[in-house]
């Protein structure tokens, strides 16, 4: 049976501990991010990640994003987070920057692509409570708490999931407006912005030279 909690300053640590226990037990959690409510699960628990895809009705081969709480953890899961890429990450993380990176070899995860893609999406979010959870949980797989292709869910009361699908919900109230992350691919030819979001191309170009425009 799902646990429903409302984030309260007096019970903040207890709520965080409850979320961590739920994730460790292999359950899906619903938490708030700056981009709307999201489903999160242990990135290394394939059954939990598969449950996220089942709830969202995603197409076969669609991979979850990875969220981490620190650059040190990011370096542990990505093998090409270096030079200009690291400079961009240090400038815009935590925040609305998603990097498409190559995973470290030997990682035992399946984000939904059965390990076929030598690329994954990585971000350190700025949402305060989510970041507190990530600082202790390690990498989590994440996806918007909405049916695939639908707009972000800004009110937890409209998250599409059955109680049996989700272990814990943490309500931070309605989110006024969903942010949009800027997506940058790290390729053999350098950095390529494939979607402009809250971080503009001009802001990226002001940090590193040689970044190019591209498309998803």
N, C-alpha and C. Protein backbone atom coordinates (compact mmCIF):
# COMPACT_ATOMS: atom_id res chain seq x y z
N UNK A 1 0.84 -1.19 0.00
CA UNK A 1 0.00 0.00 0.00
C UNK A 1 0.88 1.25 0.00
N UNK A 2 0.51 2.25 -0.77
CA UNK A 2 1.30 3.47 -0.88
C UNK A 2 1.26 4.30 0.40
N UNK A 3 2.34 5.03 0.62
CA UNK A 3 2.43 5.99 1.72
C UNK A 3 2.33 7.38 1.11
N UNK A 4 1.44 8.22 1.65
CA UNK A 4 1.27 9.59 1.17
C UNK A 4 1.74 10.55 2.26
N UNK A 5 2.74 11.36 1.95
CA UNK A 5 3.29 12.31 2.92
C UNK A 5 3.26 13.72 2.33
N UNK A 6 3.09 14.68 3.21
CA UNK A 6 3.19 16.09 2.82
C UNK A 6 4.49 16.64 3.41
N UNK A 7 5.30 17.28 2.58
CA UNK A 7 6.59 17.78 3.07
C UNK A 7 6.35 18.87 4.10
N UNK A 8 6.90 18.65 5.28
CA UNK A 8 6.73 19.57 6.40
C UNK A 8 8.10 19.81 7.01
N UNK A 9 8.40 21.06 7.30
CA UNK A 9 9.74 21.39 7.81
C UNK A 9 10.08 20.63 9.09
N UNK A 10 9.08 20.39 9.93
CA UNK A 10 9.34 19.72 11.20
C UNK A 10 9.57 18.22 11.03
N UNK A 11 9.05 17.66 9.94
CA UNK A 11 9.20 16.23 9.69
C UNK A 11 10.06 15.94 8.46
N UNK A 12 10.85 16.91 8.05
CA UNK A 12 11.60 16.81 6.79
C UNK A 12 12.54 15.61 6.79
N UNK A 13 13.31 15.45 7.86
CA UNK A 13 14.27 14.34 7.91
C UNK A 13 13.56 12.99 7.92
N UNK A 14 12.45 12.91 8.64
CA UNK A 14 11.69 11.66 8.68
C UNK A 14 11.11 11.32 7.32
N UNK A 15 10.67 12.35 6.59
CA UNK A 15 10.15 12.14 5.24
C UNK A 15 11.25 11.67 4.30
N UNK A 16 12.40 12.30 4.41
CA UNK A 16 13.54 11.89 3.58
C UNK A 16 13.92 10.44 3.86
N UNK A 17 13.97 10.07 5.13
CA UNK A 17 14.32 8.69 5.50
C UNK A 17 13.29 7.71 4.95
N UNK A 18 12.02 8.08 4.98
CA UNK A 18 10.97 7.21 4.45
C UNK A 18 11.13 7.02 2.94
N UNK A 19 11.48 8.08 2.24
CA UNK A 19 11.71 7.99 0.79
C UNK A 19 12.90 7.09 0.51
N UNK A 20 13.98 7.25 1.26
CA UNK A 20 15.18 6.45 1.05
C UNK A 20 14.91 4.97 1.30
N UNK A 21 14.12 4.67 2.33
CA UNK A 21 13.77 3.28 2.61
C UNK A 21 12.95 2.69 1.47
N UNK A 22 12.03 3.49 0.96
CA UNK A 22 11.16 3.01 -0.12
C UNK A 22 11.96 2.73 -1.39
N UNK A 23 12.87 3.64 -1.74
CA UNK A 23 13.69 3.44 -2.93
C UNK A 23 14.59 2.22 -2.76
N UNK A 24 15.20 2.10 -1.59
CA UNK A 24 16.09 0.97 -1.32
C UNK A 24 15.34 -0.36 -1.39
N UNK A 25 14.05 -0.33 -1.03
CA UNK A 25 13.23 -1.55 -1.05
C UNK A 25 12.77 -1.91 -2.47
N UNK A 26 13.09 -1.06 -3.44
CA UNK A 26 12.73 -1.36 -4.83
C UNK A 26 11.42 -0.77 -5.28
N UNK A 27 10.91 0.21 -4.54
CA UNK A 27 9.64 0.84 -4.91
C UNK A 27 9.89 2.09 -5.75
N UNK A 28 8.83 2.51 -6.42
CA UNK A 28 8.83 3.78 -7.15
C UNK A 28 8.34 4.86 -6.21
N UNK A 29 9.00 6.03 -6.24
CA UNK A 29 8.58 7.18 -5.44
C UNK A 29 8.12 8.30 -6.37
N UNK A 30 7.20 9.11 -5.89
CA UNK A 30 6.79 10.31 -6.62
C UNK A 30 7.25 11.52 -5.82
N UNK A 31 8.13 12.32 -6.44
CA UNK A 31 8.72 13.48 -5.79
C UNK A 31 8.59 14.70 -6.70
N UNK A 32 8.74 15.86 -6.11
CA UNK A 32 8.68 17.10 -6.88
C UNK A 32 10.06 17.48 -7.40
N UNK A 33 10.10 17.93 -8.65
CA UNK A 33 11.31 18.52 -9.21
C UNK A 33 10.92 19.88 -9.78
N UNK A 34 11.90 20.64 -10.21
CA UNK A 34 11.59 21.94 -10.79
C UNK A 34 10.89 21.81 -12.14
N UNK A 35 10.84 20.58 -12.68
CA UNK A 35 10.19 20.35 -13.97
C UNK A 35 8.84 19.65 -13.81
N UNK A 36 8.32 19.58 -12.59
CA UNK A 36 7.06 18.89 -12.34
C UNK A 36 7.30 17.68 -11.46
N UNK A 37 6.23 17.00 -11.12
CA UNK A 37 6.36 15.78 -10.32
C UNK A 37 6.95 14.67 -11.19
N UNK A 38 7.79 13.84 -10.56
CA UNK A 38 8.49 12.79 -11.30
C UNK A 38 8.41 11.47 -10.56
N UNK A 39 8.52 10.39 -11.31
CA UNK A 39 8.72 9.06 -10.75
C UNK A 39 10.22 8.83 -10.60
N UNK A 40 10.64 8.28 -9.48
CA UNK A 40 12.05 7.93 -9.30
C UNK A 40 12.15 6.52 -8.72
N UNK A 41 13.25 5.86 -9.06
CA UNK A 41 13.52 4.51 -8.56
C UNK A 41 15.02 4.28 -8.57
N UNK A 42 15.46 3.31 -7.81
CA UNK A 42 16.87 2.92 -7.80
C UNK A 42 17.30 2.59 -9.22
N UNK A 43 18.31 3.29 -9.72
CA UNK A 43 18.75 3.10 -11.10
C UNK A 43 19.26 1.69 -11.37
N UNK A 44 19.67 0.99 -10.32
CA UNK A 44 20.24 -0.34 -10.50
C UNK A 44 19.23 -1.46 -10.21
N UNK A 45 17.98 -1.09 -9.99
CA UNK A 45 16.91 -2.07 -9.77
C UNK A 45 16.06 -2.11 -11.04
N UNK A 46 16.33 -3.07 -11.91
CA UNK A 46 15.68 -3.11 -13.22
C UNK A 46 14.17 -3.29 -13.11
N UNK A 47 13.70 -4.02 -12.10
CA UNK A 47 12.26 -4.22 -11.93
C UNK A 47 11.57 -2.90 -11.59
N UNK A 48 12.20 -2.10 -10.74
CA UNK A 48 11.63 -0.81 -10.36
C UNK A 48 11.62 0.14 -11.56
N UNK A 49 12.70 0.13 -12.33
CA UNK A 49 12.76 0.98 -13.53
C UNK A 49 11.70 0.54 -14.54
N UNK A 50 11.54 -0.75 -14.69
CA UNK A 50 10.52 -1.27 -15.60
C UNK A 50 9.12 -0.85 -15.16
N UNK A 51 8.92 -0.75 -13.83
CA UNK A 51 7.61 -0.33 -13.33
C UNK A 51 7.32 1.12 -13.73
N UNK A 52 8.34 1.97 -13.72
CA UNK A 52 8.15 3.35 -14.18
C UNK A 52 7.67 3.36 -15.63
N UNK A 53 8.31 2.56 -16.48
CA UNK A 53 7.91 2.52 -17.89
C UNK A 53 6.50 1.98 -18.06
N UNK A 54 6.12 1.01 -17.23
CA UNK A 54 4.77 0.45 -17.32
C UNK A 54 3.73 1.48 -16.91
N UNK A 55 4.00 2.24 -15.86
CA UNK A 55 3.07 3.27 -15.41
C UNK A 55 2.90 4.33 -16.50
N UNK A 56 4.00 4.73 -17.14
CA UNK A 56 3.98 5.82 -18.12
C UNK A 56 3.54 5.35 -19.51
N UNK A 57 3.51 4.03 -19.71
CA UNK A 57 3.16 3.47 -21.03
C UNK A 57 4.14 3.96 -22.10
N UNK A 58 5.42 3.89 -21.78
CA UNK A 58 6.44 4.33 -22.72
C UNK A 58 6.68 3.28 -23.80
N UNK A 59 7.19 3.74 -24.92
CA UNK A 59 7.51 2.82 -26.02
C UNK A 59 8.76 2.01 -25.68
N UNK A 60 8.83 0.82 -26.24
CA UNK A 60 10.00 -0.04 -26.03
C UNK A 60 11.26 0.69 -26.50
N UNK A 61 12.31 0.61 -25.70
CA UNK A 61 13.57 1.25 -26.06
C UNK A 61 13.75 2.63 -25.48
N UNK A 62 12.72 3.15 -24.81
CA UNK A 62 12.81 4.46 -24.18
C UNK A 62 13.55 4.34 -22.85
N UNK A 63 14.53 5.18 -22.64
CA UNK A 63 15.34 5.10 -21.42
C UNK A 63 14.96 6.20 -20.43
N UNK A 64 15.00 5.87 -19.15
CA UNK A 64 14.82 6.88 -18.10
C UNK A 64 16.06 7.77 -18.03
N UNK A 65 15.85 8.94 -17.46
CA UNK A 65 16.96 9.83 -17.15
C UNK A 65 17.58 9.39 -15.84
N UNK A 66 18.84 9.75 -15.63
CA UNK A 66 19.51 9.50 -14.35
C UNK A 66 19.67 10.84 -13.62
N UNK A 67 19.29 10.84 -12.35
CA UNK A 67 19.51 11.99 -11.48
C UNK A 67 20.50 11.61 -10.39
N UNK A 68 21.44 12.50 -10.12
CA UNK A 68 22.41 12.28 -9.04
C UNK A 68 22.49 13.53 -8.19
N UNK A 69 23.11 13.40 -7.03
CA UNK A 69 23.16 14.52 -6.10
C UNK A 69 24.46 15.28 -6.07
N UNK A 70 25.48 14.82 -6.80
CA UNK A 70 26.77 15.51 -6.77
C UNK A 70 27.56 15.22 -8.04
N UNK A 71 28.52 16.10 -8.31
CA UNK A 71 29.39 15.90 -9.47
C UNK A 71 30.25 14.65 -9.27
N UNK A 72 30.64 14.36 -8.04
CA UNK A 72 31.44 13.17 -7.78
C UNK A 72 30.68 11.91 -8.18
N UNK A 73 29.39 11.85 -7.87
CA UNK A 73 28.58 10.71 -8.27
C UNK A 73 28.43 10.66 -9.78
N UNK A 74 28.25 11.83 -10.40
CA UNK A 74 28.15 11.91 -11.86
C UNK A 74 29.40 11.34 -12.52
N UNK A 75 30.55 11.68 -11.98
CA UNK A 75 31.81 11.17 -12.54
C UNK A 75 31.91 9.66 -12.39
N UNK A 76 31.22 9.12 -11.41
CA UNK A 76 31.26 7.68 -11.19
C UNK A 76 30.43 6.88 -12.17
N UNK A 77 29.45 7.55 -12.82
CA UNK A 77 28.58 6.82 -13.75
C UNK A 77 28.81 7.19 -15.21
N UNK A 78 29.53 8.28 -15.47
CA UNK A 78 29.77 8.71 -16.86
C UNK A 78 31.26 8.68 -17.16
N UNK A 79 31.62 8.16 -18.33
CA UNK A 79 33.04 8.04 -18.64
C UNK A 79 33.58 9.20 -19.49
N UNK A 80 32.71 10.11 -19.93
CA UNK A 80 33.20 11.22 -20.76
C UNK A 80 32.80 12.58 -20.19
N UNK A 81 32.72 12.66 -18.86
CA UNK A 81 32.43 13.92 -18.20
C UNK A 81 33.75 14.57 -17.83
N UNK A 82 34.36 15.21 -18.81
CA UNK A 82 35.70 15.77 -18.63
C UNK A 82 35.86 17.02 -19.47
N UNK A 83 36.96 17.71 -19.28
CA UNK A 83 37.33 18.95 -20.00
C UNK A 83 36.15 19.92 -20.09
N UNK A 84 35.75 20.34 -21.31
CA UNK A 84 34.69 21.33 -21.47
C UNK A 84 33.36 20.85 -20.87
N UNK A 85 33.12 19.56 -20.95
CA UNK A 85 31.87 19.01 -20.41
C UNK A 85 31.81 19.25 -18.90
N UNK A 86 32.90 19.00 -18.23
CA UNK A 86 32.96 19.21 -16.79
C UNK A 86 32.81 20.68 -16.43
N UNK A 87 33.38 21.56 -17.25
CA UNK A 87 33.27 23.00 -17.01
C UNK A 87 31.81 23.44 -17.08
N UNK A 88 31.08 22.94 -18.08
CA UNK A 88 29.66 23.26 -18.23
C UNK A 88 28.87 22.71 -17.06
N UNK A 89 29.17 21.47 -16.66
CA UNK A 89 28.47 20.86 -15.53
C UNK A 89 28.69 21.64 -14.24
N UNK A 90 29.93 22.04 -13.99
CA UNK A 90 30.24 22.78 -12.78
C UNK A 90 29.53 24.14 -12.75
N UNK A 91 29.32 24.72 -13.94
CA UNK A 91 28.67 26.03 -14.04
C UNK A 91 27.15 25.92 -13.82
N UNK A 92 26.51 24.92 -14.39
CA UNK A 92 25.05 24.88 -14.44
C UNK A 92 24.39 23.82 -13.56
N UNK A 93 25.16 23.01 -12.86
CA UNK A 93 24.59 22.04 -11.91
C UNK A 93 24.79 22.55 -10.49
N UNK A 94 23.84 22.36 -9.59
CA UNK A 94 22.49 21.83 -9.85
C UNK A 94 21.69 22.82 -10.70
N UNK A 95 20.85 22.29 -11.57
CA UNK A 95 20.06 23.16 -12.41
C UNK A 95 19.53 22.48 -13.65
N UNK A 96 19.14 23.31 -14.61
CA UNK A 96 18.40 22.84 -15.78
C UNK A 96 19.30 22.45 -16.95
N UNK A 97 20.32 21.70 -16.66
CA UNK A 97 21.21 21.17 -17.69
C UNK A 97 21.15 19.65 -17.67
N UNK A 98 20.78 19.07 -18.80
CA UNK A 98 20.81 17.62 -18.97
C UNK A 98 21.90 17.28 -19.96
N UNK A 99 22.82 16.42 -19.55
CA UNK A 99 23.92 16.01 -20.42
C UNK A 99 23.66 14.60 -20.94
N UNK A 100 23.84 14.39 -22.23
CA UNK A 100 23.78 13.07 -22.83
C UNK A 100 25.19 12.53 -22.89
N UNK A 101 25.46 11.53 -22.05
CA UNK A 101 26.82 11.05 -21.82
C UNK A 101 26.94 9.56 -22.07
N UNK A 102 28.17 9.09 -22.12
CA UNK A 102 28.43 7.65 -22.23
C UNK A 102 28.56 7.06 -20.83
N UNK A 103 27.88 5.95 -20.53
CA UNK A 103 27.98 5.36 -19.20
C UNK A 103 29.32 4.67 -18.98
N UNK A 104 29.72 4.61 -17.72
CA UNK A 104 30.90 3.83 -17.39
C UNK A 104 30.67 2.36 -17.78
N UNK A 105 31.68 1.74 -18.32
CA UNK A 105 31.54 0.34 -18.72
C UNK A 105 31.36 -0.55 -17.48
N UNK A 106 30.49 -1.52 -17.63
CA UNK A 106 30.27 -2.45 -16.54
C UNK A 106 29.15 -2.08 -15.59
N UNK A 107 28.47 -0.94 -15.83
CA UNK A 107 27.35 -0.57 -14.97
C UNK A 107 26.21 -1.58 -15.15
N UNK A 108 25.68 -2.07 -14.05
CA UNK A 108 24.62 -3.08 -14.14
C UNK A 108 23.26 -2.42 -14.02
N UNK A 109 22.88 -1.69 -15.07
CA UNK A 109 21.55 -1.10 -15.09
C UNK A 109 20.91 -1.29 -16.46
N UNK A 110 19.59 -1.23 -16.48
CA UNK A 110 18.81 -1.22 -17.72
C UNK A 110 17.78 -0.12 -17.54
N UNK A 111 18.01 1.00 -18.21
CA UNK A 111 17.14 2.17 -18.03
C UNK A 111 15.90 2.11 -18.90
N UNK A 112 15.75 1.00 -19.65
CA UNK A 112 14.60 0.84 -20.52
C UNK A 112 14.98 0.52 -21.95
N UNK A 113 16.29 0.62 -22.25
CA UNK A 113 16.78 0.35 -23.61
C UNK A 113 17.50 -0.99 -23.69
N UNK A 114 17.41 -1.78 -22.60
CA UNK A 114 18.09 -3.07 -22.51
C UNK A 114 19.60 -2.94 -22.71
N UNK A 115 20.12 -1.78 -22.36
CA UNK A 115 21.55 -1.54 -22.47
C UNK A 115 22.05 -1.34 -23.88
N UNK A 116 21.13 -1.14 -24.84
CA UNK A 116 21.52 -1.04 -26.25
C UNK A 116 22.16 0.31 -26.58
N UNK A 117 21.77 1.34 -25.85
CA UNK A 117 22.29 2.68 -26.13
C UNK A 117 23.54 2.95 -25.31
N UNK A 118 24.58 3.40 -25.96
CA UNK A 118 25.80 3.77 -25.24
C UNK A 118 25.73 5.25 -24.87
N UNK A 119 24.58 5.65 -24.34
CA UNK A 119 24.33 7.05 -24.02
C UNK A 119 23.19 7.10 -23.00
N UNK A 120 23.29 8.01 -22.06
CA UNK A 120 22.19 8.21 -21.12
C UNK A 120 22.11 9.68 -20.74
N UNK A 121 20.95 10.10 -20.26
CA UNK A 121 20.72 11.49 -19.87
C UNK A 121 20.97 11.64 -18.38
N UNK A 122 21.76 12.64 -18.01
CA UNK A 122 22.18 12.83 -16.62
C UNK A 122 21.97 14.28 -16.19
N UNK A 123 21.46 14.45 -14.96
CA UNK A 123 21.24 15.80 -14.44
C UNK A 123 21.37 15.80 -12.92
N UNK A 124 21.82 16.92 -12.38
CA UNK A 124 21.73 17.20 -10.95
C UNK A 124 20.66 18.27 -10.80
N UNK A 125 19.51 17.92 -10.23
CA UNK A 125 18.42 18.89 -10.13
C UNK A 125 18.66 19.91 -9.02
N UNK A 126 17.94 21.02 -9.10
CA UNK A 126 18.08 22.07 -8.09
C UNK A 126 17.00 22.00 -7.03
N UNK A 127 15.96 21.21 -7.25
CA UNK A 127 14.88 21.08 -6.28
C UNK A 127 15.44 20.63 -4.94
N UNK A 128 15.19 21.40 -3.89
CA UNK A 128 15.92 21.23 -2.63
C UNK A 128 15.71 19.87 -1.98
N UNK A 129 14.45 19.45 -1.81
CA UNK A 129 14.21 18.18 -1.13
C UNK A 129 14.69 17.01 -1.97
N UNK A 130 14.46 17.07 -3.28
CA UNK A 130 14.94 16.02 -4.17
C UNK A 130 16.45 15.89 -4.08
N UNK A 131 17.14 17.01 -4.03
CA UNK A 131 18.60 17.00 -3.92
C UNK A 131 19.05 16.38 -2.60
N UNK A 132 18.30 16.63 -1.53
CA UNK A 132 18.62 16.04 -0.23
C UNK A 132 18.50 14.51 -0.30
N UNK A 133 17.47 14.03 -0.98
CA UNK A 133 17.29 12.59 -1.15
C UNK A 133 18.44 12.01 -1.96
N UNK A 134 18.77 12.67 -3.07
CA UNK A 134 19.82 12.17 -3.96
C UNK A 134 21.19 12.14 -3.31
N UNK A 135 21.40 13.01 -2.35
CA UNK A 135 22.71 13.04 -1.69
C UNK A 135 22.97 11.76 -0.90
N UNK A 136 21.89 11.00 -0.61
CA UNK A 136 22.05 9.76 0.14
C UNK A 136 21.62 8.52 -0.64
N UNK A 137 20.81 8.69 -1.66
CA UNK A 137 20.26 7.53 -2.39
C UNK A 137 21.21 6.97 -3.42
N UNK A 138 22.13 7.80 -3.93
CA UNK A 138 22.89 7.40 -5.11
C UNK A 138 22.06 7.63 -6.36
N UNK A 139 22.53 7.19 -7.52
CA UNK A 139 21.82 7.45 -8.79
C UNK A 139 20.42 6.87 -8.80
N UNK A 140 19.46 7.67 -9.28
CA UNK A 140 18.11 7.17 -9.46
C UNK A 140 17.70 7.33 -10.92
N UNK A 141 16.86 6.41 -11.38
CA UNK A 141 16.22 6.56 -12.68
C UNK A 141 15.00 7.44 -12.47
N UNK A 142 14.74 8.34 -13.40
CA UNK A 142 13.64 9.28 -13.23
C UNK A 142 12.92 9.52 -14.55
N UNK A 143 11.64 9.83 -14.44
CA UNK A 143 10.83 10.19 -15.60
C UNK A 143 9.65 11.02 -15.12
N UNK A 144 9.12 11.84 -15.99
CA UNK A 144 7.99 12.68 -15.65
C UNK A 144 6.82 11.83 -15.15
N UNK A 145 6.16 12.29 -14.08
CA UNK A 145 5.01 11.56 -13.53
C UNK A 145 3.76 11.88 -14.35
N UNK A 146 3.82 11.49 -15.61
CA UNK A 146 2.72 11.67 -16.54
C UNK A 146 2.80 10.56 -17.57
N UNK A 147 1.72 10.34 -18.27
CA UNK A 147 1.76 9.38 -19.36
C UNK A 147 2.70 9.92 -20.43
N UNK A 148 3.49 9.03 -21.05
CA UNK A 148 4.47 9.46 -22.06
C UNK A 148 3.80 10.32 -23.13
N UNK A 149 4.44 11.44 -23.43
CA UNK A 149 3.92 12.33 -24.45
C UNK A 149 2.98 13.40 -23.92
N UNK A 150 2.57 13.30 -22.66
CA UNK A 150 1.68 14.28 -22.06
C UNK A 150 2.48 15.35 -21.32
N UNK A 151 1.88 16.51 -21.05
CA UNK A 151 2.57 17.58 -20.32
C UNK A 151 2.96 17.14 -18.91
N UNK A 152 3.92 17.82 -18.30
CA UNK A 152 4.32 17.49 -16.92
C UNK A 152 3.14 17.62 -15.96
N UNK A 153 3.16 16.83 -14.90
CA UNK A 153 2.14 16.90 -13.87
C UNK A 153 2.59 17.88 -12.79
N UNK A 154 1.81 18.94 -12.59
CA UNK A 154 2.20 20.00 -11.65
C UNK A 154 1.51 19.87 -10.30
N UNK A 155 0.54 18.98 -10.20
CA UNK A 155 -0.19 18.75 -8.96
C UNK A 155 -0.17 17.25 -8.67
N UNK A 156 0.31 16.86 -7.51
CA UNK A 156 0.49 15.44 -7.20
C UNK A 156 -0.84 14.68 -7.23
N UNK A 157 -1.94 15.39 -7.06
CA UNK A 157 -3.24 14.73 -7.07
C UNK A 157 -3.61 14.20 -8.46
N UNK A 158 -2.88 14.60 -9.47
CA UNK A 158 -3.17 14.17 -10.84
C UNK A 158 -2.11 13.24 -11.41
N UNK A 159 -1.26 12.72 -10.54
CA UNK A 159 -0.25 11.76 -10.99
C UNK A 159 -0.94 10.47 -11.43
N UNK A 160 -0.70 10.01 -12.67
CA UNK A 160 -1.37 8.80 -13.16
C UNK A 160 -0.68 7.53 -12.69
N UNK A 161 -1.16 6.99 -11.57
CA UNK A 161 -0.61 5.73 -11.06
C UNK A 161 -1.60 5.12 -10.08
N UNK A 162 -1.62 3.82 -10.03
CA UNK A 162 -2.41 3.12 -9.04
C UNK A 162 -1.62 3.04 -7.73
N UNK A 163 -2.29 2.98 -6.59
CA UNK A 163 -1.56 2.87 -5.32
C UNK A 163 -0.57 1.72 -5.28
N UNK A 164 -0.87 0.64 -5.99
CA UNK A 164 0.03 -0.51 -5.99
C UNK A 164 1.28 -0.27 -6.83
N UNK A 165 1.26 0.78 -7.68
CA UNK A 165 2.40 1.06 -8.55
C UNK A 165 3.49 1.86 -7.85
N UNK A 166 3.13 2.63 -6.85
CA UNK A 166 4.04 3.59 -6.22
C UNK A 166 4.13 3.30 -4.73
N UNK A 167 5.36 3.31 -4.22
CA UNK A 167 5.56 3.03 -2.81
C UNK A 167 5.31 4.23 -1.92
N UNK A 168 5.71 5.42 -2.40
CA UNK A 168 5.59 6.62 -1.56
C UNK A 168 5.39 7.86 -2.44
N UNK A 169 4.51 8.73 -1.98
CA UNK A 169 4.27 10.03 -2.60
C UNK A 169 4.66 11.10 -1.60
N UNK A 170 5.37 12.13 -2.06
CA UNK A 170 5.68 13.28 -1.20
C UNK A 170 5.11 14.53 -1.86
N UNK A 171 4.13 15.11 -1.22
CA UNK A 171 3.42 16.27 -1.76
C UNK A 171 4.10 17.56 -1.31
N UNK A 172 4.58 18.33 -2.28
CA UNK A 172 5.14 19.65 -1.99
C UNK A 172 4.20 20.76 -2.45
N UNK A 173 2.95 20.39 -2.72
CA UNK A 173 1.99 21.37 -3.20
C UNK A 173 2.07 21.55 -4.70
N UNK A 174 1.14 22.30 -5.26
CA UNK A 174 1.16 22.54 -6.72
C UNK A 174 2.43 23.28 -7.14
N UNK A 175 2.98 22.88 -8.27
CA UNK A 175 4.15 23.55 -8.84
C UNK A 175 3.63 24.61 -9.80
N UNK A 176 4.02 25.85 -9.56
CA UNK A 176 3.44 26.98 -10.32
C UNK A 176 3.69 26.85 -11.82
N UNK A 177 4.91 26.48 -12.19
CA UNK A 177 5.26 26.38 -13.61
C UNK A 177 6.41 25.40 -13.77
N UNK A 178 6.27 24.52 -14.73
CA UNK A 178 7.34 23.53 -14.96
C UNK A 178 8.49 24.17 -15.73
N UNK A 179 9.71 23.92 -15.26
CA UNK A 179 10.88 24.35 -16.01
C UNK A 179 11.18 23.39 -17.14
N UNK A 180 12.12 23.75 -17.98
CA UNK A 180 12.54 22.90 -19.09
C UNK A 180 14.05 22.83 -19.11
N UNK A 181 14.60 21.63 -19.05
CA UNK A 181 16.05 21.51 -19.05
C UNK A 181 16.60 21.66 -20.46
N UNK A 182 17.77 22.24 -20.53
CA UNK A 182 18.51 22.33 -21.78
C UNK A 182 19.31 21.04 -21.94
N UNK A 183 19.23 20.42 -23.12
CA UNK A 183 19.89 19.14 -23.34
C UNK A 183 21.12 19.33 -24.22
N UNK A 184 22.24 18.83 -23.74
CA UNK A 184 23.50 18.93 -24.47
C UNK A 184 24.08 17.53 -24.67
N UNK A 185 24.36 17.19 -25.89
CA UNK A 185 24.97 15.90 -26.20
C UNK A 185 26.50 16.05 -26.21
N UNK A 186 27.14 15.07 -25.60
CA UNK A 186 28.60 15.03 -25.58
C UNK A 186 29.03 13.98 -26.59
N UNK A 187 29.52 14.44 -27.75
CA UNK A 187 29.90 13.53 -28.83
C UNK A 187 31.39 13.58 -29.13
N UNK A 188 31.79 12.81 -30.11
CA UNK A 188 33.22 12.77 -30.45
C UNK A 188 33.69 14.09 -31.06
N UNK A 189 32.74 14.86 -31.59
CA UNK A 189 33.11 16.14 -32.21
C UNK A 189 32.92 17.32 -31.26
N UNK A 190 32.57 17.04 -30.01
CA UNK A 190 32.41 18.11 -29.03
C UNK A 190 31.00 18.21 -28.49
N UNK A 191 30.66 19.38 -27.97
CA UNK A 191 29.36 19.61 -27.35
C UNK A 191 28.35 20.10 -28.37
N UNK A 192 27.13 19.57 -28.27
CA UNK A 192 26.08 19.94 -29.20
C UNK A 192 24.78 20.14 -28.41
N UNK A 193 24.22 21.35 -28.47
CA UNK A 193 22.96 21.60 -27.80
C UNK A 193 21.83 21.06 -28.69
N UNK A 194 21.08 20.10 -28.15
CA UNK A 194 20.02 19.48 -28.96
C UNK A 194 18.63 19.96 -28.54
N UNK A 195 18.54 20.63 -27.39
CA UNK A 195 17.27 21.29 -27.02
C UNK A 195 17.59 22.47 -26.12
N UNK A 196 17.06 23.62 -26.48
CA UNK A 196 17.27 24.82 -25.66
C UNK A 196 16.12 24.94 -24.66
N UNK A 197 16.45 25.01 -23.40
CA UNK A 197 15.46 25.15 -22.35
C UNK A 197 15.71 26.40 -21.55
N UNK A 198 15.69 26.26 -20.23
CA UNK A 198 15.86 27.42 -19.36
C UNK A 198 17.29 27.99 -19.43
N UNK A 199 18.24 27.19 -19.83
CA UNK A 199 19.61 27.67 -20.08
C UNK A 199 19.74 27.91 -21.58
N UNK A 200 20.06 29.11 -21.97
CA UNK A 200 20.10 29.48 -23.39
C UNK A 200 21.41 29.05 -24.05
N UNK A 201 21.36 29.00 -25.37
CA UNK A 201 22.58 28.69 -26.13
C UNK A 201 23.65 29.74 -25.84
N UNK A 202 23.22 31.01 -25.72
CA UNK A 202 24.17 32.09 -25.45
C UNK A 202 24.86 31.89 -24.10
N UNK A 203 24.12 31.40 -23.11
CA UNK A 203 24.73 31.13 -21.80
C UNK A 203 25.77 30.02 -21.89
N UNK A 204 25.44 28.97 -22.64
CA UNK A 204 26.40 27.88 -22.82
C UNK A 204 27.64 28.36 -23.55
N UNK A 205 27.42 29.13 -24.61
CA UNK A 205 28.53 29.64 -25.43
C UNK A 205 29.42 30.58 -24.62
N UNK A 206 28.84 31.20 -23.59
CA UNK A 206 29.63 32.09 -22.75
C UNK A 206 30.56 31.35 -21.80
N UNK A 207 30.33 30.05 -21.66
CA UNK A 207 31.15 29.24 -20.76
C UNK A 207 32.20 28.45 -21.52
N UNK A 208 31.80 27.86 -22.65
CA UNK A 208 32.74 27.10 -23.48
C UNK A 208 32.58 27.50 -24.94
N UNK A 209 33.66 27.51 -25.66
CA UNK A 209 33.60 27.84 -27.09
C UNK A 209 33.44 26.55 -27.89
N UNK A 210 32.92 26.69 -29.09
CA UNK A 210 32.85 25.53 -29.98
C UNK A 210 31.61 24.70 -29.84
N UNK A 211 30.68 25.07 -28.95
CA UNK A 211 29.44 24.32 -28.83
C UNK A 211 28.57 24.59 -30.07
N UNK A 212 27.89 23.58 -30.55
CA UNK A 212 27.09 23.72 -31.77
C UNK A 212 25.62 23.46 -31.51
N UNK A 213 24.77 23.83 -32.46
CA UNK A 213 23.34 23.54 -32.42
C UNK A 213 23.12 22.15 -33.03
N UNK A 214 22.13 21.46 -32.56
CA UNK A 214 21.76 20.17 -33.15
C UNK A 214 20.29 19.90 -32.89
N UNK A 215 19.85 18.69 -33.18
CA UNK A 215 18.46 18.31 -32.94
C UNK A 215 18.42 16.93 -32.29
N UNK A 216 17.36 16.69 -31.53
CA UNK A 216 17.17 15.39 -30.91
C UNK A 216 16.83 14.34 -31.97
